Each structure stands twice: as structure tokens, then as C-alpha cells.
Amino acid sequence: MRRPKIFYGYWVLAAAFLCIFISQGCGFFTFSLFVKPLEADMGWGRGEIMGAFTVFFLSMGIFSPVVGRIVDRYGVRRVIFAGALMMGIGFILLGLMQELWHFYLSYAIAGIGGAAIGIAPASVAVSNWFEKRRGLAIGIMSAGLGIGGMVIALLVGGYLIPTWSWRISYISMGLLIIVTIVPTALFVIRTKPSDMGLYPDGATSPEENGTPDAELVNTTGPNAKMAFASLSFWLIGMSFLLNAFCHVGVIQNQAPHLEDIGFPTAMVAGALGCVGMGSAFGKLAFGWLCDRIQAKYACAIGLTLQIVAIILIMNIKPTSPLSLIWIYSIVMGIGAGSWLPTLSMLTSTTFGLSSYGAILGAALLMEHIGTATGPLMAGYIYDVTGSYHWAFIIFLSLYAISMPAILVLRRRSQSKSGKDCSISR
């Protein structure tokens, strides 16, 4: 078989990147830009508005395992196609809503669709097409999270909402999802190289793609049931639940907080985009770092950056220089970008690869719970106190649990039998 000039896996990688770019850019990074417009037009409290963010991420978390099973049965292509239609329709409905329950229902629909075009199916496709360079490929795909946040937040907050309205902005994002991802799913994405008579990494034969050290790849470790019964799993899960609770709680409330202080919406959108840019860089940087130091220490560095960022935003005043906002945004973005590569590496180095997917999926569910509830708590604290000050204090306090929970983890030690059940101190 002739080697194609451009390995088709690169097209699949680009498509997966686009799926993450669009779905997370529209679903995650723009949400806080709608808080004040909805508060003004609909008369809802910030806690009520943040409830939709909770619905969105709980829907994604709950349906992610279901999506995984459907991917195994029907392939990535059909799942992403259906998910794009569902998420797009959810955003269009957001632009047409009139009641609070419409708001929640629309975000639930968008969340289910987001699970079908998000990290899980995109990772399956990329992992199938790349073996030797799988880590780098996953890192590039994951960077779509931050870059999508930077670009789409600037588009929505800097142009669509001020120029048109929040309703037109929601409808525009829904159409963007359908117009870009539906044809990508139909004409570009293929689940496996064998679907096209190809081999991973651009090889022209199984022998060329084979690796002499394949037998040395560590596929031992506890099964999922054993892992779920171990202290190590719960330390990882609780740490990342609190990690997400804190940094997402800040990121999703930073826009209304900075607008309350007196900064213009366009500048606030720029700061949110800067967080996305920092997040993209952080995912690449922490993936690289995890190859050089233990993942728990890389995770601790990321948590430290988040703590510094929260202290910075707490000290931003109406008279503060704009540079302080940009410094906060970059530091928070890089720190927040640490979660995905460090969670992945902590899971594999603690439990091995034999049940990696099931264990990582359960850990992601816990992470999504933190993502869903942190902004909600901050919104309700604002409704009660008229300030985010105590929400920021609570976030800072929770890092005192999250960081030690990670640092006490041990690397797994393999027994002679090849079995392993890593236990933490």
C-alpha cells in the first residue's frame, strides 16, 4: 500500500480538536458572559442562573458513560453527528426561552449533546489513529479546550452580545455547532484506521507499525472494582472534585465580578479569552511536565498557580492597573489547564492501564460534579451577601484539602504476580 502524502490520522486529529474547540468554547467559557444580561432582562438571581451551569455539567457527567458504551457499539462518527445536532438545538432553544425551566431544560439538552461531541468520543478516535505519538496527539486535541475558550469568548463577549443581544448570541452558537461539527462528523471523522484500510501512525503494514517493546507496555493493575475500593481512588477523585469546584467557580463568576467592579464587558471578555489561552498552554506544558516529574508534583504546581490567581482577583480594585487583570487571567489559565493531563497521568501511574478507561471515567464524573457545583455555590453566596468575597475565601480554604490529598499518593508497586492495588499513605 502506498503511503499517503498526508496521514489521514492528522485529519481525524484536526476534527477532534475542532469538536473540543467548539463544544467547550460555547458550553464552558462563554457561560459567565451571559450572567449579567440574563440578570437584567429576565430578573433572575445569579444563583438561579448558575443553576443552569450545574445542569449542563451534570448532564455531561451522567451521560458520558452512556456515550462511551454507544461509541463502542456504533462508532464515533454517528455519536458526534447526533451530539452536534442535539447541542446545537439546545443552544438555539436558549435563544428562544422565556421561563427559568426553559433555561434549565435547554442546557440539559445541550449538555447531553456536549457529552457526545466532547472529550470521551474525541479521545477514542484520536487514540485509535495514534499509537507511538498518542500522548502528543491527545495533548494537541486537549488544547482545543483553551483555544476555543479564547476565540469564542472574545467573539461572543466582544461582539455578539454588545452588538446584537444575548438571544442572538445563543442562536448563533447553536448554528455554529451544527454548521461546523455535523459535516465534520459526516465527511472527516472515522473511528479506526481499519475503516479506511489504513494503519495507526501512517504505517503501511502491521509489521511497520509494530513496536519491539510492545510486550513491555504495562497493562497490569487492579480492576475497576478493586480501584474503587482503594483509598487512592477516593483521594484522586476528591482532590479533583475540589480542584474543579474552586477554579471553575472562580472562572465562571469572574466576568460578573469584574463587571461589578466597573470594567467594561469587552475587556472582561478579553480576560476570559486570556484564561482560555493560558489553559491551552497549560495543557501542553503540564503534559510535557508529567513526563519529567511525578504527576502529583505537577498537579501541586497547578493547584499553587490557582491559589495565586484567586488571591490576585481578590485584590483587583476599580483603580487597579489593567495589567493585574491580565496577570490573573494568564496565571489562572495555566493553573486550570493542569487538570486534564495530571488527572490522566495520576490515574495511569497509580492504577496501571488494565482498567484505565473505567477508572478515569469515574474520576471524571467526580470532576464534573465539582465543575457543576462550584459556580452555583458562588452565585448563591453573591445573592445573599452582594459580593463574591466569601466565595473566594471558601475556594482558597478547600485547596488545603485538595493539595495534600494528591501529595500523599504513592506510585503503584507491581508485585511478582503482576497484580497491583496501589494504596496511598
Protein backbone atom coordinates (compact mmCIF):
# COMPACT_ATOMS: atom_id res chain seq x y z
CA MET A 1 0.00 0.00 0.00
CA ARG A 2 1.33 3.44 -0.92
CA ARG A 3 1.94 5.79 1.97
CA PRO A 4 -0.38 8.81 1.55
CA LYS A 5 1.25 12.24 1.43
CA ILE A 6 -0.73 13.33 4.48
CA PHE A 7 -1.57 10.70 7.09
CA TYR A 8 -5.35 10.65 7.48
CA GLY A 9 -4.99 10.49 11.26
CA TYR A 10 -3.97 14.14 11.17
CA TRP A 11 -7.35 14.99 9.66
CA VAL A 12 -9.05 12.99 12.41
CA LEU A 13 -6.93 14.83 14.99
CA ALA A 14 -7.92 18.18 13.46
CA ALA A 15 -11.59 17.14 13.54
CA ALA A 16 -11.32 16.05 17.19
CA PHE A 17 -9.62 19.35 18.02
CA LEU A 18 -12.50 21.20 16.32
CA CYS A 19 -15.09 19.25 18.32
CA ILE A 20 -13.40 20.19 21.61
CA PHE A 21 -12.78 23.75 20.41
CA ILE A 22 -16.44 24.38 19.54
CA SER A 23 -18.21 22.37 22.25
CA GLN A 24 -16.14 23.61 25.19
CA GLY A 25 -15.75 27.13 23.83
CA CYS A 26 -19.53 27.52 23.54
CA GLY A 27 -20.53 25.44 26.55
CA PHE A 28 -17.94 26.33 29.18
CA PHE A 29 -16.07 29.54 28.55
CA THR A 30 -18.93 31.78 27.39
CA PHE A 31 -21.40 30.96 30.16
CA SER A 32 -20.33 33.72 32.57
CA LEU A 33 -20.72 36.34 29.83
CA PHE A 34 -24.49 35.77 29.89
CA VAL A 35 -24.91 36.21 33.66
CA LYS A 36 -25.46 39.96 33.79
CA PRO A 37 -27.57 40.18 30.59
CA LEU A 38 -29.86 37.43 31.89
CA GLU A 39 -29.97 39.03 35.33
CA ALA A 40 -31.03 42.34 33.77
CA ASP A 41 -33.52 41.04 31.19
CA MET A 42 -35.06 38.05 32.96
CA GLY A 43 -34.84 39.23 36.58
CA TRP A 44 -33.20 36.00 37.77
CA GLY A 45 -30.70 35.84 40.62
CA ARG A 46 -27.14 34.80 39.94
CA GLY A 47 -27.63 31.60 41.89
CA GLU A 48 -30.60 30.71 39.68
CA ILE A 49 -28.57 31.46 36.57
CA MET A 50 -25.61 29.40 37.75
CA GLY A 51 -28.05 26.54 38.32
CA ALA A 52 -28.11 26.09 34.54
CA PHE A 53 -24.33 25.63 34.51
CA THR A 54 -24.83 22.92 37.14
CA VAL A 55 -27.49 21.25 34.96
CA PHE A 56 -25.20 21.46 31.92
CA PHE A 57 -22.23 19.74 33.53
CA LEU A 58 -24.25 17.19 35.47
CA SER A 59 -25.91 16.22 32.20
CA MET A 60 -22.50 15.84 30.58
CA GLY A 61 -21.14 13.82 33.51
CA ILE A 62 -24.11 11.49 33.85
CA PHE A 63 -24.35 10.76 30.13
CA SER A 64 -20.61 10.37 29.49
CA PRO A 65 -20.61 6.65 30.47
CA VAL A 66 -23.66 6.11 28.26
CA VAL A 67 -21.91 7.85 25.38
CA GLY A 68 -18.90 5.59 25.88
CA ARG A 69 -20.99 2.46 25.51
CA ILE A 70 -22.71 3.83 22.39
CA VAL A 71 -19.33 4.72 20.86
CA ASP A 72 -18.20 1.11 21.37
CA ARG A 73 -21.29 -0.16 19.56
CA TYR A 74 -21.87 2.35 16.77
CA GLY A 75 -18.56 4.19 16.41
CA VAL A 76 -17.52 7.79 16.92
CA ARG A 77 -18.90 9.22 13.70
CA ARG A 78 -22.60 8.64 14.39
CA VAL A 79 -22.30 9.70 18.02
CA ILE A 80 -20.65 13.03 17.20
CA PHE A 81 -23.17 13.66 14.40
CA ALA A 82 -26.13 13.15 16.75
CA GLY A 83 -24.44 15.06 19.56
CA ALA A 84 -23.78 18.09 17.35
CA LEU A 85 -27.44 18.24 16.35
CA MET A 86 -28.57 17.93 19.97
CA MET A 87 -26.14 20.50 21.36
CA GLY A 88 -26.88 22.92 18.54
CA ILE A 89 -30.64 22.62 19.09
CA GLY A 90 -30.11 23.15 22.83
CA PHE A 91 -28.35 26.47 22.20
CA ILE A 92 -30.97 27.59 19.69
CA LEU A 93 -33.64 26.87 22.33
CA LEU A 94 -31.67 29.00 24.81
CA GLY A 95 -32.10 31.94 22.46
CA LEU A 96 -35.87 31.38 22.38
CA MET A 97 -36.52 30.65 26.08
CA GLN A 98 -38.95 32.61 28.23
CA GLU A 99 -39.01 30.83 31.60
CA LEU A 100 -36.38 29.61 34.05
CA TRP A 101 -37.34 25.97 33.48
CA HIS A 102 -36.85 26.52 29.74
CA PHE A 103 -33.34 27.72 30.59
CA TYR A 104 -32.54 24.60 32.58
CA LEU A 105 -34.10 22.19 30.06
CA SER A 106 -32.23 23.79 27.15
CA TYR A 107 -28.91 23.49 28.98
CA ALA A 108 -29.71 19.85 29.83
CA ILE A 109 -30.23 19.13 26.11
CA ALA A 110 -27.02 20.98 25.27
CA GLY A 111 -25.15 19.06 27.97
CA ILE A 112 -26.22 15.66 26.66
CA GLY A 113 -25.14 16.74 23.18
CA GLY A 114 -21.89 18.08 24.60
CA ALA A 115 -21.09 14.68 26.11
CA ALA A 116 -21.49 13.15 22.64
CA ILE A 117 -19.05 15.56 20.96
CA GLY A 118 -16.72 16.07 23.92
CA ILE A 119 -13.59 14.55 25.40
CA ALA A 120 -14.65 10.89 25.51
CA PRO A 121 -15.55 10.24 21.83
CA ALA A 122 -12.83 12.57 20.54
CA SER A 123 -10.24 10.75 22.67
CA VAL A 124 -11.38 7.37 21.37
CA ALA A 125 -10.93 8.46 17.76
CA VAL A 126 -7.50 10.03 18.33
CA SER A 127 -6.28 7.07 20.40
CA ASN A 128 -7.27 4.64 17.65
CA TRP A 129 -5.34 6.57 14.98
CA PHE A 130 -2.18 7.18 17.01
CA GLU A 131 -0.07 4.68 18.96
CA LYS A 132 3.55 5.84 19.00
CA ARG A 133 2.61 9.54 19.33
CA ARG A 134 -0.64 9.12 21.20
CA GLY A 135 0.31 11.32 24.16
CA LEU A 136 1.23 14.28 21.98
CA ALA A 137 -1.89 13.80 19.87
CA ILE A 138 -4.13 13.79 22.96
CA GLY A 139 -2.33 16.91 24.22
CA ILE A 140 -2.96 18.74 20.95
CA MET A 141 -6.61 17.69 20.99
CA SER A 142 -7.00 18.83 24.62
CA ALA A 143 -5.56 22.25 23.79
CA GLY A 144 -8.79 22.88 21.90
CA LEU A 145 -10.41 23.44 25.29
CA GLY A 146 -8.38 26.57 26.00
CA ILE A 147 -8.06 27.89 22.47
CA GLY A 148 -11.80 27.51 21.93
CA GLY A 149 -12.40 29.46 25.11
CA MET A 150 -10.10 32.25 23.99
CA VAL A 151 -11.58 32.64 20.49
CA ILE A 152 -15.26 32.06 21.16
CA ALA A 153 -15.34 34.09 24.39
CA LEU A 154 -13.84 37.05 22.52
CA LEU A 155 -16.36 36.62 19.68
CA VAL A 156 -19.39 36.33 21.98
CA GLY A 157 -18.42 38.83 24.68
CA GLY A 158 -16.61 41.29 22.47
CA TYR A 159 -19.01 41.37 19.53
CA LEU A 160 -22.21 39.30 19.58
CA ILE A 161 -23.67 40.27 22.96
CA PRO A 162 -22.81 44.02 22.81
CA THR A 163 -23.74 44.39 19.13
CA TRP A 164 -26.79 42.16 18.90
CA SER A 165 -28.17 40.53 22.06
CA TRP A 166 -27.75 37.54 24.32
CA ARG A 167 -30.57 35.77 22.44
CA ILE A 168 -28.89 36.19 19.06
CA SER A 169 -25.62 35.07 20.66
CA TYR A 170 -27.11 31.79 21.85
CA ILE A 171 -28.75 31.11 18.48
CA SER A 172 -25.50 31.95 16.68
CA MET A 173 -23.56 29.47 18.79
CA GLY A 174 -26.17 26.79 18.11
CA LEU A 175 -25.89 27.33 14.37
CA LEU A 176 -22.08 27.37 14.62
CA ILE A 177 -22.12 23.96 16.32
CA ILE A 178 -24.39 22.43 13.68
CA VAL A 179 -22.72 24.01 10.65
CA THR A 180 -19.16 23.07 11.67
CA ILE A 181 -19.40 19.76 13.51
CA VAL A 182 -22.16 17.96 11.60
CA PRO A 183 -20.28 17.98 8.26
CA THR A 184 -17.02 17.25 10.09
CA ALA A 185 -18.58 14.13 11.61
CA LEU A 186 -20.03 13.00 8.29
CA PHE A 187 -17.10 13.64 5.97
CA VAL A 188 -13.92 13.62 8.10
CA ILE A 189 -14.16 11.56 11.26
CA ARG A 190 -13.52 7.82 11.06
CA THR A 191 -13.40 5.73 14.22
CA LYS A 192 -10.46 3.48 13.28
CA PRO A 193 -7.77 3.34 10.57
CA SER A 194 -9.08 -0.09 9.56
CA ASP A 195 -12.31 1.61 8.46
CA MET A 196 -10.25 3.01 5.57
CA GLY A 197 -7.85 0.11 5.12
CA LEU A 198 -5.10 2.04 6.94
CA TYR A 199 -2.91 1.51 9.99
CA PRO A 200 -2.14 3.74 13.00
CA ASP A 201 0.63 6.36 12.76
CA GLY A 202 0.64 6.24 8.97
CA ALA A 203 2.21 2.79 8.71
CA THR A 204 1.74 0.82 5.51
CA SER A 205 1.68 -2.59 7.20
CA PRO A 206 1.17 -4.09 10.68
CA GLU A 207 4.86 -5.03 10.78
CA GLU A 208 5.94 -1.46 10.16
CA ASN A 209 3.68 -0.20 12.91
CA GLY A 210 4.76 -2.88 15.39
CA THR A 211 6.95 -1.88 18.33
CA PRO A 212 9.60 -4.32 19.66
CA ASP A 213 8.82 -3.32 23.21
CA ALA A 214 5.09 -3.85 22.92
CA GLU A 215 5.17 -6.68 25.42
CA LEU A 216 6.75 -4.37 27.96
CA VAL A 217 3.81 -1.97 27.95
CA ASN A 218 2.38 -2.05 31.44
CA THR A 219 -1.16 -3.35 31.26
CA THR A 220 -1.28 -4.73 34.80
CA GLY A 221 -3.07 -3.20 37.74
CA PRO A 222 -6.19 -3.55 39.83
CA ASN A 223 -9.54 -3.93 38.15
CA ALA A 224 -12.08 -1.16 38.47
CA LYS A 225 -13.83 -2.74 41.46
CA MET A 226 -10.55 -3.01 43.37
CA ALA A 227 -9.60 0.55 42.44
CA PHE A 228 -12.93 1.96 43.61
CA ALA A 229 -12.42 0.23 46.95
CA SER A 230 -8.97 1.78 47.44
CA LEU A 231 -8.15 4.97 49.30
CA SER A 232 -6.05 6.13 46.34
CA PHE A 233 -9.05 6.43 44.03
CA TRP A 234 -11.04 8.47 46.51
CA LEU A 235 -8.10 10.75 47.22
CA ILE A 236 -7.70 11.44 43.50
CA GLY A 237 -11.45 11.82 42.97
CA MET A 238 -11.95 14.12 45.95
CA SER A 239 -8.92 16.24 45.07
CA PHE A 240 -10.10 16.82 41.51
CA LEU A 241 -13.68 17.40 42.61
CA LEU A 242 -12.44 20.21 44.88
CA ASN A 243 -9.97 21.38 42.23
CA ALA A 244 -12.79 21.82 39.70
CA PHE A 245 -15.17 23.23 42.33
CA CYS A 246 -12.68 26.01 43.09
CA HIS A 247 -11.13 27.04 39.79
CA VAL A 248 -14.33 26.66 37.75
CA GLY A 249 -16.25 28.51 40.47
CA VAL A 250 -13.89 31.44 40.02
CA ILE A 251 -13.70 31.34 36.22
CA GLN A 252 -17.48 31.21 35.76
CA ASN A 253 -18.01 34.17 38.10
CA GLN A 254 -15.02 36.28 37.10
CA ALA A 255 -16.92 38.13 34.35
CA PRO A 256 -19.78 39.42 36.55
CA HIS A 257 -17.30 40.10 39.37
CA LEU A 258 -15.06 42.26 37.18
CA GLU A 259 -18.08 43.99 35.62
CA ASP A 260 -19.38 44.76 39.13
CA ILE A 261 -16.06 46.44 39.88
CA GLY A 262 -16.55 48.64 36.82
CA PHE A 263 -14.59 47.09 33.96
CA PRO A 264 -16.28 47.04 30.51
CA THR A 265 -17.73 43.85 29.06
CA ALA A 266 -15.37 43.75 26.08
CA MET A 267 -12.33 43.95 28.33
CA VAL A 268 -13.77 41.28 30.64
CA ALA A 269 -14.34 39.04 27.60
CA GLY A 270 -10.70 39.60 26.66
CA ALA A 271 -9.64 38.50 30.13
CA LEU A 272 -11.81 35.39 29.83
CA GLY A 273 -10.21 34.67 26.47
CA CYS A 274 -6.80 35.09 28.09
CA VAL A 275 -7.77 32.41 30.62
CA GLY A 276 -8.55 30.14 27.68
CA MET A 277 -5.20 30.89 26.06
CA GLY A 278 -3.41 30.15 29.33
CA SER A 279 -5.41 26.94 29.70
CA ALA A 280 -4.34 25.75 26.24
CA PHE A 281 -0.70 26.43 27.04
CA GLY A 282 -1.12 24.81 30.46
CA LYS A 283 -2.43 21.56 28.99
CA LEU A 284 0.58 21.25 26.71
CA ALA A 285 3.03 22.36 29.40
CA PHE A 286 1.71 20.07 32.14
CA GLY A 287 1.56 17.13 29.74
CA TRP A 288 5.24 17.75 28.99
CA LEU A 289 5.98 18.20 32.71
CA CYS A 290 4.30 14.92 33.68
CA ASP A 291 6.85 13.09 31.51
CA ARG A 292 9.65 14.57 33.60
CA ILE A 293 8.42 14.63 37.21
CA GLN A 294 5.82 12.68 39.15
CA ALA A 295 2.31 13.70 38.18
CA LYS A 296 1.38 14.51 41.78
CA TYR A 297 4.07 17.21 41.91
CA ALA A 298 2.93 18.63 38.58
CA CYS A 299 -0.61 18.68 39.94
CA ALA A 300 0.56 20.51 43.07
CA ILE A 301 2.21 23.16 40.90
CA GLY A 302 -1.06 23.65 39.02
CA LEU A 303 -3.01 23.98 42.28
CA THR A 304 -0.48 26.52 43.57
CA LEU A 305 -0.97 28.65 40.45
CA GLN A 306 -4.74 28.55 41.01
CA ILE A 307 -4.30 29.74 44.61
CA VAL A 308 -2.11 32.64 43.44
CA ALA A 309 -4.72 33.57 40.81
CA ILE A 310 -7.57 33.68 43.34
CA ILE A 311 -5.50 35.91 45.63
CA LEU A 312 -4.84 38.20 42.65
CA ILE A 313 -8.52 38.54 41.65
CA MET A 314 -9.50 39.24 45.26
CA ASN A 315 -7.15 42.23 45.21
CA ILE A 316 -8.35 43.77 41.94
CA LYS A 317 -9.95 47.15 42.62
CA PRO A 318 -11.56 49.76 40.33
CA THR A 319 -8.26 51.65 40.39
CA SER A 320 -6.11 48.58 39.70
CA PRO A 321 -3.99 48.62 36.53
CA LEU A 322 -5.28 46.52 33.68
CA SER A 323 -2.05 44.56 33.79
CA LEU A 324 -3.18 42.97 37.08
CA ILE A 325 -6.23 41.52 35.33
CA TRP A 326 -4.10 40.07 32.53
CA ILE A 327 -1.64 38.59 35.04
CA TYR A 328 -4.54 37.00 36.93
CA SER A 329 -6.01 35.61 33.69
CA ILE A 330 -2.76 34.05 32.50
CA VAL A 331 -1.91 32.54 35.90
CA MET A 332 -5.42 31.14 36.35
CA GLY A 333 -5.47 29.78 32.81
CA ILE A 334 -2.16 27.95 33.14
CA GLY A 335 -3.09 26.60 36.57
CA ALA A 336 -6.55 25.48 35.45
CA GLY A 337 -5.01 23.86 32.37
CA SER A 338 -3.19 21.38 34.58
CA TRP A 339 -6.23 19.28 35.48
CA LEU A 340 -6.66 17.04 32.41
CA PRO A 341 -3.05 15.89 31.83
CA THR A 342 -2.35 15.43 35.55
CA LEU A 343 -5.59 13.55 36.19
CA SER A 344 -4.85 11.23 33.28
CA MET A 345 -1.27 10.59 34.42
CA LEU A 346 -2.21 10.15 38.08
CA THR A 347 -4.79 7.55 37.12
CA SER A 348 -2.40 5.53 34.95
CA THR A 349 0.61 5.72 37.30
CA THR A 350 -1.48 4.85 40.36
CA PHE A 351 -3.65 2.06 38.91
CA GLY A 352 -1.99 0.97 35.66
CA LEU A 353 -3.76 0.53 32.33
CA SER A 354 -5.77 -2.67 32.68
CA SER A 355 -8.94 -0.81 33.76
CA TYR A 356 -7.80 2.70 32.89
CA GLY A 357 -10.90 3.76 30.98
CA ALA A 358 -13.38 2.74 33.67
CA ILE A 359 -11.32 4.29 36.49
CA LEU A 360 -10.67 7.53 34.59
CA GLY A 361 -14.34 7.76 33.65
CA ALA A 362 -15.38 7.53 37.29
CA ALA A 363 -12.80 10.14 38.27
CA LEU A 364 -14.09 12.43 35.50
CA LEU A 365 -17.61 12.08 36.86
CA MET A 366 -16.37 13.36 40.23
CA GLU A 367 -14.51 16.19 38.49
CA HIS A 368 -17.71 17.14 36.65
CA ILE A 369 -19.60 17.28 39.96
CA GLY A 370 -17.10 19.87 41.18
CA THR A 371 -17.37 21.74 37.89
CA ALA A 372 -21.16 21.79 38.17
CA THR A 373 -21.43 22.93 41.78
CA GLY A 374 -18.61 25.46 42.33
CA PRO A 375 -20.16 28.25 40.23
CA LEU A 376 -23.57 27.53 41.77
CA MET A 377 -22.25 28.00 45.30
CA ALA A 378 -20.51 31.26 44.37
CA GLY A 379 -23.67 32.56 42.69
CA TYR A 380 -25.80 31.92 45.75
CA ILE A 381 -23.22 33.48 48.06
CA TYR A 382 -23.36 36.59 45.87
CA ASP A 383 -27.17 36.65 46.06
CA VAL A 384 -27.02 36.51 49.86
CA THR A 385 -24.06 38.83 50.54
CA GLY A 386 -23.87 41.01 47.41
CA SER A 387 -20.21 40.03 46.97
CA TYR A 388 -18.01 37.13 45.89
CA HIS A 389 -15.52 37.73 48.74
CA TRP A 390 -16.62 34.81 50.92
CA ALA A 391 -16.89 32.51 47.92
CA PHE A 392 -13.23 33.23 47.15
CA ILE A 393 -12.31 32.59 50.81
CA ILE A 394 -14.08 29.21 50.72
CA PHE A 395 -12.28 28.30 47.49
CA LEU A 396 -8.89 29.13 48.99
CA SER A 397 -9.70 27.05 52.08
CA LEU A 398 -10.60 23.96 50.03
CA TYR A 399 -7.17 23.84 48.44
CA ALA A 400 -5.91 22.90 51.92
CA ILE A 401 -7.70 19.58 51.34
CA SER A 402 -7.14 19.15 47.61
CA MET A 403 -3.35 19.54 47.58
CA PRO A 404 -2.44 17.19 50.49
CA ALA A 405 -4.82 14.55 49.09
CA ILE A 406 -2.69 14.42 45.93
CA LEU A 407 0.72 14.72 47.57
CA VAL A 408 0.21 11.65 49.80
CA LEU A 409 -0.37 9.38 46.79
CA ARG A 410 2.23 6.69 46.12
CA ARG A 411 3.23 5.33 42.77
CA ARG A 412 1.93 1.81 42.37
CA SER A 413 4.34 -1.00 43.09
CA GLN A 414 3.93 -4.10 40.95
CA SER A 415 4.02 -7.45 42.66
CA LYS A 416 5.66 -10.56 41.28
CA SER A 417 2.32 -11.86 40.18
CA GLY A 418 1.89 -8.78 38.01
CA LYS A 419 -1.10 -7.64 40.03
CA ASP A 420 -1.28 -4.33 41.75
CA CYS A 421 -3.52 -2.43 44.06
CA SER A 422 -1.86 0.86 44.82
CA ILE A 423 -2.60 2.13 48.29
CA SER A 424 -1.93 5.64 49.47
CA ARG A 425 -0.34 6.64 52.72
